Structures are given as C-alpha cells and as structure tokens.
C-alpha cells in the first residue's frame, strides 16, 4: 500500500525532527473520512449513536465494530503501515479506534 509508505516516511521525518525514536508511535489519525465505504462502516458501527467532537466514541479491537473499521479503506492503511514497517517500528498492535466529529 503506497499510502502507508508515504505516511511512514512522514512519521520517520517527524520523529527525526523531534529527536524521538520512530518506535514511539502511539497514535494514528486519519481525517476527514470522505470515502463512502468507510463512512457506511462508521455509521453501522455506531448504530445511530451521535458522534461528538473530541473525545468521540472509542471502539475496542476486541469488538466486531472495531475490527470492521480497521478493515475499511481508511483503517487498512494503518494495517499496511504496521506490517510494511515492522522492522523499523517493532511489533505494534491496534488497541482501539476512536470516531470523532470535525468541523
């Protein structure tokens, strides 16, 4: 996934600029979500719950909803990011996904 490579290069640059280890990745944001499949999956996962601005709604990766969002076009770039750059990042796992409103 080419997007994951571009995102990794940016993360690597930012880590260098900040003087931190590239393995210190703790959060991964993607916004706004514009594609229809990801928007539909978010709507299904939230089951009509309103989305506030921060802190939004957090879904565990132990839940079907959390796993479903990781499988969306927006979510799977994170999977590729972690897989393709495991040598640099170390073993990382996704614990949860948080959906929040912007604007």
PDB file of N, CA and C in Angstrom:
ATOM      1  N   UNK A   1       0.849  -1.176   0.000  1.00  0.00           N
ATOM      2  CA  UNK A   1       0.000   0.000   0.000  1.00  0.00           C
ATOM      3  C   UNK A   1       0.895   1.239   0.000  1.00  0.00           C
ATOM      4  N   UNK A   2       0.830   1.999  -1.052  1.00  0.00           N
ATOM      5  CA  UNK A   2       1.712   3.158  -1.200  1.00  0.00           C
ATOM      6  C   UNK A   2       1.428   4.259  -0.180  1.00  0.00           C
ATOM      7  N   UNK A   3       0.167   4.432   0.196  1.00  0.00           N
ATOM      8  CA  UNK A   3      -0.156   5.442   1.198  1.00  0.00           C
ATOM      9  C   UNK A   3       0.585   5.151   2.496  1.00  0.00           C
ATOM     10  N   UNK A   4       0.635   3.883   2.882  1.00  0.00           N
ATOM     11  CA  UNK A   4       1.317   3.549   4.136  1.00  0.00           C
ATOM     12  C   UNK A   4       2.799   3.905   4.062  1.00  0.00           C
ATOM     13  N   UNK A   5       3.398   3.775   2.888  1.00  0.00           N
ATOM     14  CA  UNK A   5       4.809   4.132   2.732  1.00  0.00           C
ATOM     15  C   UNK A   5       5.022   5.639   2.856  1.00  0.00           C
ATOM     16  N   UNK A   6       4.138   6.410   2.240  1.00  0.00           N
ATOM     17  CA  UNK A   6       4.231   7.868   2.339  1.00  0.00           C
ATOM     18  C   UNK A   6       4.051   8.305   3.792  1.00  0.00           C
ATOM     19  N   UNK A   7       3.053   7.722   4.454  1.00  0.00           N
ATOM     20  CA  UNK A   7       2.804   8.075   5.854  1.00  0.00           C
ATOM     21  C   UNK A   7       3.983   7.693   6.741  1.00  0.00           C
ATOM     22  N   UNK A   8       4.591   6.543   6.461  1.00  0.00           N
ATOM     23  CA  UNK A   8       5.750   6.144   7.260  1.00  0.00           C
ATOM     24  C   UNK A   8       6.912   7.120   7.072  1.00  0.00           C
ATOM     25  N   UNK A   9       7.160   7.519   5.830  1.00  0.00           N
ATOM     26  CA  UNK A   9       8.254   8.464   5.591  1.00  0.00           C
ATOM     27  C   UNK A   9       8.015   9.776   6.336  1.00  0.00           C
ATOM     28  N   UNK A  10       6.770  10.227   6.358  1.00  0.00           N
ATOM     29  CA  UNK A  10       6.456  11.451   7.107  1.00  0.00           C
ATOM     30  C   UNK A  10       6.651  11.232   8.609  1.00  0.00           C
ATOM     31  N   UNK A  11       6.188  10.082   9.113  1.00  0.00           N
ATOM     32  CA  UNK A  11       6.377   9.785  10.541  1.00  0.00           C
ATOM     33  C   UNK A  11       7.872   9.717  10.879  1.00  0.00           C
ATOM     34  N   UNK A  12       8.645   9.068  10.028  1.00  0.00           N
ATOM     35  CA  UNK A  12      10.081   8.952  10.255  1.00  0.00           C
ATOM     36  C   UNK A  12      10.724  10.347  10.290  1.00  0.00           C
ATOM     37  N   UNK A  13      10.324  11.205   9.372  1.00  0.00           N
ATOM     38  CA  UNK A  13      10.844  12.576   9.344  1.00  0.00           C
ATOM     39  C   UNK A  13      10.478  13.323  10.628  1.00  0.00           C
ATOM     40  N   UNK A  14       9.215  13.227  11.031  1.00  0.00           N
ATOM     41  CA  UNK A  14       8.769  13.924  12.245  1.00  0.00           C
ATOM     42  C   UNK A  14       9.481  13.401  13.488  1.00  0.00           C
ATOM     43  N   UNK A  15       9.692  12.098  13.551  1.00  0.00           N
ATOM     44  CA  UNK A  15      10.421  11.524  14.689  1.00  0.00           C
ATOM     45  C   UNK A  15      11.851  12.066  14.728  1.00  0.00           C
ATOM     46  N   UNK A  16      12.490  12.145  13.558  1.00  0.00           N
ATOM     47  CA  UNK A  16      13.848  12.698  13.494  1.00  0.00           C
ATOM     48  C   UNK A  16      13.873  14.152  13.949  1.00  0.00           C
ATOM     49  N   UNK A  17      12.926  14.949  13.450  1.00  0.00           N
ATOM     50  CA  UNK A  17      12.859  16.370  13.803  1.00  0.00           C
ATOM     51  C   UNK A  17      12.663  16.545  15.308  1.00  0.00           C
ATOM     52  N   UNK A  18      11.813  15.702  15.897  1.00  0.00           N
ATOM     53  CA  UNK A  18      11.513  15.809  17.327  1.00  0.00           C
ATOM     54  C   UNK A  18      12.550  15.117  18.209  1.00  0.00           C
ATOM     55  N   UNK A  19      13.473  14.386  17.589  1.00  0.00           N
ATOM     56  CA  UNK A  19      14.501  13.696  18.354  1.00  0.00           C
ATOM     57  C   UNK A  19      13.972  12.511  19.133  1.00  0.00           C
ATOM     58  N   UNK A  20      12.956  11.847  18.584  1.00  0.00           N
ATOM     59  CA  UNK A  20      12.380  10.684  19.254  1.00  0.00           C
ATOM     60  C   UNK A  20      12.586   9.436  18.400  1.00  0.00           C
ATOM     61  N   UNK A  21      12.516   8.302  19.027  1.00  0.00           N
ATOM     62  CA  UNK A  21      12.649   7.022  18.336  1.00  0.00           C
ATOM     63  C   UNK A  21      11.401   6.770  17.500  1.00  0.00           C
ATOM     64  N   UNK A  22      11.596   6.345  16.278  1.00  0.00           N
ATOM     65  CA  UNK A  22      10.475   6.056  15.377  1.00  0.00           C
ATOM     66  C   UNK A  22       9.547   4.990  15.970  1.00  0.00           C
ATOM     67  N   UNK A  23      10.047   4.180  16.880  1.00  0.00           N
ATOM     68  CA  UNK A  23       9.231   3.138  17.519  1.00  0.00           C
ATOM     69  C   UNK A  23       8.243   3.701  18.535  1.00  0.00           C
ATOM     70  N   UNK A  24       8.347   4.982  18.858  1.00  0.00           N
ATOM     71  CA  UNK A  24       7.466   5.580  19.865  1.00  0.00           C
ATOM     72  C   UNK A  24       6.088   5.952  19.329  1.00  0.00           C
ATOM     73  N   UNK A  25       5.695   5.416  18.216  1.00  0.00           N
ATOM     74  CA  UNK A  25       4.372   5.687  17.645  1.00  0.00           C
ATOM     75  C   UNK A  25       3.287   5.200  18.602  1.00  0.00           C
ATOM     76  N   UNK A  26       2.362   6.097  18.963  1.00  0.00           N
ATOM     77  CA  UNK A  26       1.280   5.723  19.876  1.00  0.00           C
ATOM     78  C   UNK A  26      -0.093   5.977  19.278  1.00  0.00           C
ATOM     79  N   UNK A  27      -0.200   6.931  18.375  1.00  0.00           N
ATOM     80  CA  UNK A  27      -1.494   7.299  17.801  1.00  0.00           C
ATOM     81  C   UNK A  27      -1.368   7.443  16.295  1.00  0.00           C
ATOM     82  N   UNK A  28      -2.467   7.202  15.608  1.00  0.00           N
ATOM     83  CA  UNK A  28      -2.519   7.290  14.150  1.00  0.00           C
ATOM     84  C   UNK A  28      -3.862   7.920  13.805  1.00  0.00           C
ATOM     85  N   UNK A  29      -3.839   9.095  13.249  1.00  0.00           N
ATOM     86  CA  UNK A  29      -5.072   9.812  12.910  1.00  0.00           C
ATOM     87  C   UNK A  29      -5.274   9.819  11.407  1.00  0.00           C
ATOM     88  N   UNK A  30      -6.519   9.677  10.986  1.00  0.00           N
ATOM     89  CA  UNK A  30      -6.885   9.878   9.593  1.00  0.00           C
ATOM     90  C   UNK A  30      -8.163  10.678   9.566  1.00  0.00           C
ATOM     91  N   UNK A  31      -8.094  11.873   9.022  1.00  0.00           N
ATOM     92  CA  UNK A  31      -9.290  12.692   8.942  1.00  0.00           C
ATOM     93  C   UNK A  31      -9.127  13.727   7.847  1.00  0.00           C
ATOM     94  N   UNK A  32     -10.232  14.149   7.281  1.00  0.00           N
ATOM     95  CA  UNK A  32     -11.590  13.638   7.479  1.00  0.00           C
ATOM     96  C   UNK A  32     -11.784  12.357   6.686  1.00  0.00           C
ATOM     97  N   UNK A  33     -12.762  11.579   7.053  1.00  0.00           N
ATOM     98  CA  UNK A  33     -13.103  10.353   6.325  1.00  0.00           C
ATOM     99  C   UNK A  33     -14.119  10.743   5.258  1.00  0.00           C
ATOM    100  N   UNK A  34     -13.717  10.636   4.003  1.00  0.00           N
ATOM    101  CA  UNK A  34     -14.563  11.092   2.898  1.00  0.00           C
ATOM    102  C   UNK A  34     -15.115   9.958   2.039  1.00  0.00           C
ATOM    103  N   UNK A  35     -14.500   8.774   2.080  1.00  0.00           N
ATOM    104  CA  UNK A  35     -14.941   7.729   1.156  1.00  0.00           C
ATOM    105  C   UNK A  35     -16.192   7.025   1.671  1.00  0.00           C
ATOM    106  N   UNK A  36     -17.043   6.660   0.730  1.00  0.00           N
ATOM    107  CA  UNK A  36     -18.350   6.086   1.056  1.00  0.00           C
ATOM    108  C   UNK A  36     -18.261   4.778   1.834  1.00  0.00           C
ATOM    109  N   UNK A  37     -17.399   3.818   1.457  1.00  0.00           N
ATOM    110  CA  UNK A  37     -17.351   2.567   2.230  1.00  0.00           C
ATOM    111  C   UNK A  37     -16.971   2.784   3.699  1.00  0.00           C
ATOM    112  N   UNK A  38     -16.013   3.655   3.958  1.00  0.00           N
ATOM    113  CA  UNK A  38     -15.618   3.918   5.349  1.00  0.00           C
ATOM    114  C   UNK A  38     -16.721   4.645   6.101  1.00  0.00           C
ATOM    115  N   UNK A  39     -17.371   5.614   5.465  1.00  0.00           N
ATOM    116  CA  UNK A  39     -18.473   6.327   6.109  1.00  0.00           C
ATOM    117  C   UNK A  39     -19.616   5.377   6.450  1.00  0.00           C
ATOM    118  N   UNK A  40     -19.923   4.452   5.528  1.00  0.00           N
ATOM    119  CA  UNK A  40     -21.003   3.486   5.775  1.00  0.00           C
ATOM    120  C   UNK A  40     -20.644   2.560   6.934  1.00  0.00           C
ATOM    121  N   UNK A  41     -19.395   2.112   6.986  1.00  0.00           N
ATOM    122  CA  UNK A  41     -18.962   1.225   8.071  1.00  0.00           C
ATOM    123  C   UNK A  41     -19.010   1.954   9.416  1.00  0.00           C
ATOM    124  N   UNK A  42     -18.649   3.216   9.428  1.00  0.00           N
ATOM    125  CA  UNK A  42     -18.719   4.003  10.665  1.00  0.00           C
ATOM    126  C   UNK A  42     -20.165   4.111  11.126  1.00  0.00           C
ATOM    127  N   UNK A  43     -21.064   4.410  10.197  1.00  0.00           N
ATOM    128  CA  UNK A  43     -22.489   4.532  10.550  1.00  0.00           C
ATOM    129  C   UNK A  43     -23.021   3.223  11.127  1.00  0.00           C
ATOM    130  N   UNK A  44     -22.659   2.089  10.511  1.00  0.00           N
ATOM    131  CA  UNK A  44     -23.101   0.780  11.027  1.00  0.00           C
ATOM    132  C   UNK A  44     -22.495   0.503  12.398  1.00  0.00           C
ATOM    133  N   UNK A  45     -21.219   0.809  12.564  1.00  0.00           N
ATOM    134  CA  UNK A  45     -20.535   0.531  13.837  1.00  0.00           C
ATOM    135  C   UNK A  45     -21.124   1.350  14.980  1.00  0.00           C
ATOM    136  N   UNK A  46     -21.516   2.558  14.691  1.00  0.00           N
ATOM    137  CA  UNK A  46     -22.038   3.433  15.748  1.00  0.00           C
ATOM    138  C   UNK A  46     -23.516   3.206  16.029  1.00  0.00           C
ATOM    139  N   UNK A  47     -24.191   2.483  15.148  1.00  0.00           N
ATOM    140  CA  UNK A  47     -25.601   2.123  15.354  1.00  0.00           C
ATOM    141  C   UNK A  47     -26.440   3.314  15.794  1.00  0.00           C
ATOM    142  N   UNK A  48     -26.307   4.429  15.096  1.00  0.00           N
ATOM    143  CA  UNK A  48     -27.139   5.587  15.387  1.00  0.00           C
ATOM    144  C   UNK A  48     -26.670   6.474  16.519  1.00  0.00           C
ATOM    145  N   UNK A  49     -25.609   6.077  17.211  1.00  0.00           N
ATOM    146  CA  UNK A  49     -25.078   6.940  18.279  1.00  0.00           C
ATOM    147  C   UNK A  49     -24.522   8.222  17.661  1.00  0.00           C
ATOM    148  N   UNK A  50     -24.792   9.352  18.271  1.00  0.00           N
ATOM    149  CA  UNK A  50     -24.242  10.597  17.725  1.00  0.00           C
ATOM    150  C   UNK A  50     -22.730  10.655  17.934  1.00  0.00           C
ATOM    151  N   UNK A  51     -22.068  11.327  17.022  1.00  0.00           N
ATOM    152  CA  UNK A  51     -20.621  11.492  17.132  1.00  0.00           C
ATOM    153  C   UNK A  51     -20.336  12.910  17.588  1.00  0.00           C
ATOM    154  N   UNK A  52     -19.735  13.009  18.745  1.00  0.00           N
ATOM    155  CA  UNK A  52     -19.347  14.325  19.252  1.00  0.00           C
ATOM    156  C   UNK A  52     -17.982  14.678  18.688  1.00  0.00           C
ATOM    157  N   UNK A  53     -17.585  15.909  18.900  1.00  0.00           N
ATOM    158  CA  UNK A  53     -16.195  16.231  18.611  1.00  0.00           C
ATOM    159  C   UNK A  53     -15.390  15.427  19.626  1.00  0.00           C
ATOM    160  N   UNK A  54     -14.218  15.798  19.925  1.00  0.00           N
ATOM    161  CA  UNK A  54     -13.404  15.022  20.865  1.00  0.00           C
ATOM    162  C   UNK A  54     -14.089  14.943  22.215  1.00  0.00           C
ATOM    163  N   UNK A  55     -14.209  13.804  22.887  1.00  0.00           N
ATOM    164  CA  UNK A  55     -13.433  12.598  22.670  1.00  0.00           C
ATOM    165  C   UNK A  55     -14.096  11.585  21.739  1.00  0.00           C
ATOM    166  N   UNK A  56     -15.285  11.830  21.236  1.00  0.00           N
ATOM    167  CA  UNK A  56     -15.915  10.919  20.292  1.00  0.00           C
ATOM    168  C   UNK A  56     -16.324   9.600  20.920  1.00  0.00           C
ATOM    169  N   UNK A  57     -16.350   8.559  20.082  1.00  0.00           N
ATOM    170  CA  UNK A  57     -16.738   7.211  20.505  1.00  0.00           C
ATOM    171  C   UNK A  57     -15.555   6.284  20.249  1.00  0.00           C
ATOM    172  N   UNK A  58     -15.118   5.559  21.269  1.00  0.00           N
ATOM    173  CA  UNK A  58     -13.992   4.634  21.136  1.00  0.00           C
ATOM    174  C   UNK A  58     -14.506   3.210  21.086  1.00  0.00           C
ATOM    175  N   UNK A  59     -14.014   2.462  20.093  1.00  0.00           N
ATOM    176  CA  UNK A  59     -14.385   1.060  19.903  1.00  0.00           C
ATOM    177  C   UNK A  59     -13.131   0.201  20.044  1.00  0.00           C
ATOM    178  N   UNK A  60     -13.200  -0.800  20.884  1.00  0.00           N
ATOM    179  CA  UNK A  60     -12.077  -1.706  21.120  1.00  0.00           C
ATOM    180  C   UNK A  60     -11.868  -2.624  19.917  1.00  0.00           C
ATOM    181  N   UNK A  61     -10.643  -3.049  19.709  1.00  0.00           N
ATOM    182  CA  UNK A  61     -10.371  -4.035  18.663  1.00  0.00           C
ATOM    183  C   UNK A  61     -10.879  -5.416  19.062  1.00  0.00           C
ATOM    184  N   UNK A  62     -11.335  -5.557  20.304  1.00  0.00           N
ATOM    185  CA  UNK A  62     -11.986  -6.798  20.716  1.00  0.00           C
ATOM    186  C   UNK A  62     -13.419  -6.853  20.211  1.00  0.00           C
ATOM    187  N   UNK A  63     -13.955  -5.720  19.757  1.00  0.00           N
ATOM    188  CA  UNK A  63     -15.344  -5.674  19.288  1.00  0.00           C
ATOM    189  C   UNK A  63     -15.407  -5.890  17.777  1.00  0.00           C
ATOM    190  N   UNK A  64     -16.534  -6.401  17.320  1.00  0.00           N
ATOM    191  CA  UNK A  64     -16.746  -6.581  15.881  1.00  0.00           C
ATOM    192  C   UNK A  64     -16.724  -5.231  15.168  1.00  0.00           C
ATOM    193  N   UNK A  65     -17.278  -4.206  15.819  1.00  0.00           N
ATOM    194  CA  UNK A  65     -17.318  -2.873  15.218  1.00  0.00           C
ATOM    195  C   UNK A  65     -15.910  -2.308  15.022  1.00  0.00           C
ATOM    196  N   UNK A  66     -15.069  -2.475  16.021  1.00  0.00           N
ATOM    197  CA  UNK A  66     -13.692  -2.000  15.909  1.00  0.00           C
ATOM    198  C   UNK A  66     -12.943  -2.709  14.797  1.00  0.00           C
ATOM    199  N   UNK A  67     -13.098  -4.021  14.722  1.00  0.00           N
ATOM    200  CA  UNK A  67     -12.443  -4.797  13.661  1.00  0.00           C
ATOM    201  C   UNK A  67     -12.957  -4.387  12.292  1.00  0.00           C
ATOM    202  N   UNK A  68     -14.265  -4.132  12.201  1.00  0.00           N
ATOM    203  CA  UNK A  68     -14.849  -3.721  10.922  1.00  0.00           C
ATOM    204  C   UNK A  68     -14.243  -2.400  10.453  1.00  0.00           C
ATOM    205  N   UNK A  69     -14.051  -1.466  11.366  1.00  0.00           N
ATOM    206  CA  UNK A  69     -13.477  -0.179  10.976  1.00  0.00           C
ATOM    207  C   UNK A  69     -12.015  -0.318  10.564  1.00  0.00           C
ATOM    208  N   UNK A  70     -11.297  -1.228  11.176  1.00  0.00           N
ATOM    209  CA  UNK A  70      -9.913  -1.468  10.779  1.00  0.00           C
ATOM    210  C   UNK A  70      -9.847  -2.029   9.356  1.00  0.00           C
ATOM    211  N   UNK A  71     -10.915  -2.699   8.919  1.00  0.00           N
ATOM    212  CA  UNK A  71     -10.957  -3.272   7.579  1.00  0.00           C
ATOM    213  C   UNK A  71     -11.419  -2.325   6.490  1.00  0.00           C
ATOM    214  N   UNK A  72     -11.745  -1.097   6.835  1.00  0.00           N
ATOM    215  CA  UNK A  72     -12.202  -0.129   5.836  1.00  0.00           C
ATOM    216  C   UNK A  72     -11.018   0.437   5.059  1.00  0.00           C
ATOM    217  N   UNK A  73     -11.293   1.122   3.945  1.00  0.00           N
ATOM    218  CA  UNK A  73     -10.184   1.755   3.221  1.00  0.00           C
ATOM    219  C   UNK A  73      -9.348   2.688   4.105  1.00  0.00           C
ATOM    220  N   UNK A  74      -9.985   3.421   4.997  1.00  0.00           N
ATOM    221  CA  UNK A  74      -9.214   4.279   5.895  1.00  0.00           C
ATOM    222  C   UNK A  74      -8.442   3.460   6.917  1.00  0.00           C
ATOM    223  N   UNK A  75      -9.058   2.434   7.464  1.00  0.00           N
ATOM    224  CA  UNK A  75      -8.423   1.635   8.501  1.00  0.00           C
ATOM    225  C   UNK A  75      -7.314   0.741   8.008  1.00  0.00           C
ATOM    226  N   UNK A  76      -7.475   0.195   6.791  1.00  0.00           N
ATOM    227  CA  UNK A  76      -6.465  -0.776   6.371  1.00  0.00           C
ATOM    228  C   UNK A  76      -5.126  -0.136   6.033  1.00  0.00           C
ATOM    229  N   UNK A  77      -5.098   1.174   5.813  1.00  0.00           N
ATOM    230  CA  UNK A  77      -3.790   1.808   5.594  1.00  0.00           C
ATOM    231  C   UNK A  77      -2.932   1.717   6.860  1.00  0.00           C
ATOM    232  N   UNK A  78      -3.579   1.723   8.020  1.00  0.00           N
ATOM    233  CA  UNK A  78      -2.837   1.538   9.271  1.00  0.00           C
ATOM    234  C   UNK A  78      -2.259   0.130   9.341  1.00  0.00           C
ATOM    235  N   UNK A  79      -3.064  -0.860   8.961  1.00  0.00           N
ATOM    236  CA  UNK A  79      -2.566  -2.235   8.943  1.00  0.00           C
ATOM    237  C   UNK A  79      -1.329  -2.380   8.068  1.00  0.00           C
ATOM    238  N   UNK A  80      -1.408  -1.821   6.854  1.00  0.00           N
ATOM    239  CA  UNK A  80      -0.257  -1.884   5.950  1.00  0.00           C
ATOM    240  C   UNK A  80       0.930  -1.103   6.508  1.00  0.00           C
ATOM    241  N   UNK A  81       0.656   0.021   7.114  1.00  0.00           N
ATOM    242  CA  UNK A  81       1.699   0.839   7.737  1.00  0.00           C
ATOM    243  C   UNK A  81       2.481   0.005   8.754  1.00  0.00           C
ATOM    244  N   UNK A  82       1.762  -0.702   9.619  1.00  0.00           N
ATOM    245  CA  UNK A  82       2.412  -1.501  10.667  1.00  0.00           C
ATOM    246  C   UNK A  82       3.106  -2.735  10.106  1.00  0.00           C
ATOM    247  N   UNK A  83       2.488  -3.379   9.118  1.00  0.00           N
ATOM    248  CA  UNK A  83       3.070  -4.586   8.518  1.00  0.00           C
ATOM    249  C   UNK A  83       4.323  -4.244   7.717  1.00  0.00           C
ATOM    250  N   UNK A  84       4.200  -3.258   6.830  1.00  0.00           N
ATOM    251  CA  UNK A  84       5.309  -2.932   5.929  1.00  0.00           C
ATOM    252  C   UNK A  84       6.509  -2.321   6.640  1.00  0.00           C
ATOM    253  N   UNK A  85       6.309  -1.798   7.828  1.00  0.00           N
ATOM    254  CA  UNK A  85       7.399  -1.110   8.524  1.00  0.00           C
ATOM    255  C   UNK A  85       7.665  -1.706   9.908  1.00  0.00           C
ATOM    256  N   UNK A  86       7.352  -2.985  10.029  1.00  0.00           N
ATOM    257  CA  UNK A  86       7.551  -3.688  11.300  1.00  0.00           C
ATOM    258  C   UNK A  86       9.021  -3.665  11.730  1.00  0.00           C
ATOM    259  N   UNK A  87       9.931  -3.769  10.772  1.00  0.00           N
ATOM    260  CA  UNK A  87      11.357  -3.769  11.112  1.00  0.00           C
ATOM    261  C   UNK A  87      11.761  -2.464  11.801  1.00  0.00           C
ATOM    262  N   UNK A  88      11.193  -1.351  11.349  1.00  0.00           N
ATOM    263  CA  UNK A  88      11.537  -0.057  11.933  1.00  0.00           C
ATOM    264  C   UNK A  88      10.715   0.256  13.182  1.00  0.00           C
ATOM    265  N   UNK A  89       9.437  -0.144  13.183  1.00  0.00           N
ATOM    266  CA  UNK A  89       8.521   0.217  14.266  1.00  0.00           C
ATOM    267  C   UNK A  89       8.498  -0.783  15.415  1.00  0.00           C
ATOM    268  N   UNK A  90       8.918  -2.008  15.142  1.00  0.00           N
ATOM    269  CA  UNK A  90       8.751  -3.074  16.118  1.00  0.00           C
ATOM    270  C   UNK A  90       7.342  -3.639  16.018  1.00  0.00           C
ATOM    271  N   UNK A  91       7.031  -4.581  16.874  1.00  0.00           N
ATOM    272  CA  UNK A  91       5.705  -5.200  16.868  1.00  0.00           C
ATOM    273  C   UNK A  91       4.702  -4.249  17.505  1.00  0.00           C
ATOM    274  N   UNK A  92       3.755  -3.805  16.715  1.00  0.00           N
ATOM    275  CA  UNK A  92       2.713  -2.890  17.190  1.00  0.00           C
ATOM    276  C   UNK A  92       1.356  -3.537  16.972  1.00  0.00           C
ATOM    277  N   UNK A  93       0.426  -3.255  17.861  1.00  0.00           N
ATOM    278  CA  UNK A  93      -0.944  -3.722  17.695  1.00  0.00           C
ATOM    279  C   UNK A  93      -1.893  -2.540  17.849  1.00  0.00           C
ATOM    280  N   UNK A  94      -3.047  -2.663  17.223  1.00  0.00           N
ATOM    281  CA  UNK A  94      -4.078  -1.636  17.326  1.00  0.00           C
ATOM    282  C   UNK A  94      -4.978  -2.024  18.485  1.00  0.00           C
ATOM    283  N   UNK A  95      -5.136  -1.152  19.448  1.00  0.00           N
ATOM    284  CA  UNK A  95      -5.960  -1.435  20.626  1.00  0.00           C
ATOM    285  C   UNK A  95      -7.391  -0.958  20.463  1.00  0.00           C
ATOM    286  N   UNK A  96      -7.574   0.163  19.766  1.00  0.00           N
ATOM    287  CA  UNK A  96      -8.917   0.722  19.619  1.00  0.00           C
ATOM    288  C   UNK A  96      -8.945   1.708  18.463  1.00  0.00           C
ATOM    289  N   UNK A  97     -10.157   2.073  18.079  1.00  0.00           N
ATOM    290  CA  UNK A  97     -10.371   3.126  17.091  1.00  0.00           C
ATOM    291  C   UNK A  97     -11.349   4.121  17.706  1.00  0.00           C
ATOM    292  N   UNK A  98     -11.066   5.392  17.543  1.00  0.00           N
ATOM    293  CA  UNK A  98     -11.944   6.438  18.064  1.00  0.00           C
ATOM    294  C   UNK A  98     -12.501   7.236  16.899  1.00  0.00           C
ATOM    295  N   UNK A  99     -13.821   7.338  16.864  1.00  0.00           N
ATOM    296  CA  UNK A  99     -14.510   8.110  15.832  1.00  0.00           C
ATOM    297  C   UNK A  99     -14.952   9.419  16.471  1.00  0.00           C
ATOM    298  N   UNK A 100     -14.571  10.529  15.850  1.00  0.00           N
ATOM    299  CA  UNK A 100     -14.974  11.829  16.390  1.00  0.00           C
ATOM    300  C   UNK A 100     -15.290  12.774  15.249  1.00  0.00           C
ATOM    301  N   UNK A 101     -16.118  13.743  15.539  1.00  0.00           N
ATOM    302  CA  UNK A 101     -16.515  14.721  14.535  1.00  0.00           C
ATOM    303  C   UNK A 101     -15.483  15.824  14.400  1.00  0.00           C
ATOM    304  N   UNK A 102     -15.409  16.374  13.205  1.00  0.00           N
ATOM    305  CA  UNK A 102     -14.524  17.510  12.949  1.00  0.00           C
ATOM    306  C   UNK A 102     -15.353  18.642  12.367  1.00  0.00           C
ATOM    307  N   UNK A 103     -14.830  19.818  12.485  1.00  0.00           N
ATOM    308  CA  UNK A 103     -15.515  20.960  11.862  1.00  0.00           C
ATOM    309  C   UNK A 103     -16.345  21.755  12.818  1.00  0.00           C
TER     310      UNK A 103
END
